[in-house]
Amino acid sequence: MRLNRFLAASGLGSRRSVEELITNGQVRINGQVVTNLATKVTPADAVKVGSRLLRVQESLTAVLNKPRGYVCTANDEDDRKTIFELLPPNWPRVYHVGRLDKDSEGLLILTNDGDLSLALTHPRFKTEKEYEILLDKPFDATFKAKLLRGFHIIGGRAKMERVEILGPNHLRVTLQQGIKRQIRLMLYEVGYEVERLVRVRIGGLKIGEMRPGEWRILNGKEIAELKAS
């Protein structure tokens, strides 16, 4: 197995992030510093990052319907509820792909598959994410063109791919970007406060009938379809 893939499978993050550990000389195999990304690792090798001896973890990818009020972190300094409190304690270490803020809800993917994490988050893959939104007042349809055209917010130039009006103050929007608090900031710019935000789809994966706080493990076909999307 290539070293970068081994490190990602050991739970150190995405393939791209672990490559920085290698090129910066932080990885040793059998006591020797290794900086070549293509170095092969065998089961007999002792691989260390700092003082940590690594083992390949069982591959696991799951989807969670994140409830409102939970934060996407393993340890919160303000002692707020975290998404990991909703997961079984005996799981291998997994990471959330992207995030939902404390007041947002819905579909969240958790995985230790670095390739999948990269496929879903890197801008060049343009993975679609769909949200349903309730606003504080009826939406003026004349703002739809501005949201689709895009404009600058904190974090960069933001745009929506699709905006559907489902009711007076009920929207469904689709993004390909992942700017922090993008939907809330864009709608605030045109005069609205978001009262509820639920992510209902990532790529071809939909939230379906999952209840808040419920999780399920994805099968091989679903994971392959997510990578392809």
Foldseek 3Di string as FASTA:
>chain_A
DFPLQQCLQQQPAASVVVLVCLCVQQKDKPRHGHNDRRDDDDPVIFIDRHNDTTDGDDWFKKKAWADAFAFQDDDDPVPTHHLCVLDDPPHDDWHWQATDGRGATEIIMITSRNLLSCLQAPLVNLKKWKKKFFWPFFDDCVCQVDQQVWDADVQGTHHWPDWDDPDRRIIMTMGSHRGPVRVQGVVVVVPIGTPYMYTADIRHDGRPPDDHSDMDIDDPVVSVSSSVD
